């Protein structure tokens, strides 16, 4: 089982929202979340679209374009 699956969906959701992490890690968390766990939860996505990091907002928009749960 991939390490990402072992960490679970919540770990990636928390990483996206964590302003202490570097932008690249937060962007990758969005990608992994969508790739392994499916569409974003609209409630979480709404909060992430308010991120202070434009690159994170853009990646969340990309993920939303792939569909929501």
Protein backbone atom coordinates (compact mmCIF):
# COMPACT_ATOMS: atom_id res chain seq x y z
CA UNK A 1 0.00 0.00 0.00
CA UNK A 2 1.42 3.41 -0.92
CA UNK A 3 2.50 5.58 1.98
CA UNK A 4 0.06 8.27 0.88
CA UNK A 5 -2.88 5.89 1.34
CA UNK A 6 -1.54 4.85 4.74
CA UNK A 7 -1.44 8.49 5.82
CA UNK A 8 -5.07 8.86 4.80
CA UNK A 9 -7.17 11.56 3.25
CA UNK A 10 -7.25 13.77 6.35
CA UNK A 11 -3.46 14.17 6.36
CA UNK A 12 -3.57 15.72 2.89
CA UNK A 13 -6.56 17.90 3.72
CA UNK A 14 -4.65 19.24 6.73
CA UNK A 15 -1.52 19.84 4.64
CA UNK A 16 -3.41 21.95 2.11
CA UNK A 17 -4.65 24.24 4.87
CA UNK A 18 -1.32 24.44 6.73
CA UNK A 19 0.26 27.83 5.98
CA UNK A 20 3.47 26.69 7.68
CA UNK A 21 4.20 24.24 4.87
CA UNK A 22 5.95 25.37 1.71
CA UNK A 23 3.73 26.11 -1.27
CA UNK A 24 5.03 23.18 -3.35
CA UNK A 25 4.07 20.71 -0.61
CA UNK A 26 0.59 22.16 -0.31
CA UNK A 27 0.10 22.01 -4.08
CA UNK A 28 1.28 18.41 -4.14
CA UNK A 29 -1.16 17.62 -1.32
CA UNK A 30 -4.01 18.83 -3.56
CA UNK A 31 -2.78 16.63 -6.39
CA UNK A 32 -2.37 13.54 -4.21
CA UNK A 33 -5.76 14.08 -2.61
CA UNK A 34 -7.48 14.14 -5.99
CA UNK A 35 -5.40 11.32 -7.50
CA UNK A 36 -5.81 8.88 -4.62
CA UNK A 37 -9.01 9.86 -2.87
CA UNK A 38 -11.18 11.32 -5.61
CA UNK A 39 -12.91 14.68 -5.97
CA UNK A 40 -12.49 17.38 -3.34
CA UNK A 41 -15.05 17.81 -0.61
CA UNK A 42 -16.82 21.09 -1.46
CA UNK A 43 -16.77 22.26 2.17
CA UNK A 44 -12.99 21.91 2.40
CA UNK A 45 -12.46 23.29 -1.09
CA UNK A 46 -14.39 26.44 -0.24
CA UNK A 47 -12.00 27.16 2.62
CA UNK A 48 -8.94 26.36 0.51
CA UNK A 49 -10.02 28.84 -2.17
CA UNK A 50 -9.43 31.51 0.47
CA UNK A 51 -5.77 30.53 0.90
CA UNK A 52 -3.28 33.38 1.14
CA UNK A 53 -1.15 31.53 -1.44
CA UNK A 54 -2.34 32.16 -5.01
CA UNK A 55 -0.68 28.96 -6.27
CA UNK A 56 -2.69 26.89 -3.78
CA UNK A 57 -5.91 28.58 -4.86
CA UNK A 58 -5.09 27.84 -8.49
CA UNK A 59 -4.43 24.16 -7.77
CA UNK A 60 -7.66 23.89 -5.81
CA UNK A 61 -9.51 25.45 -8.77
CA UNK A 62 -7.86 22.87 -11.05
CA UNK A 63 -9.00 20.08 -8.72
CA UNK A 64 -12.55 21.46 -8.61
CA UNK A 65 -12.56 21.42 -12.39
CA UNK A 66 -12.10 17.67 -12.15
CA UNK A 67 -15.35 17.42 -10.17
CA UNK A 68 -16.50 17.45 -6.55
CA UNK A 69 -17.82 14.73 -4.27
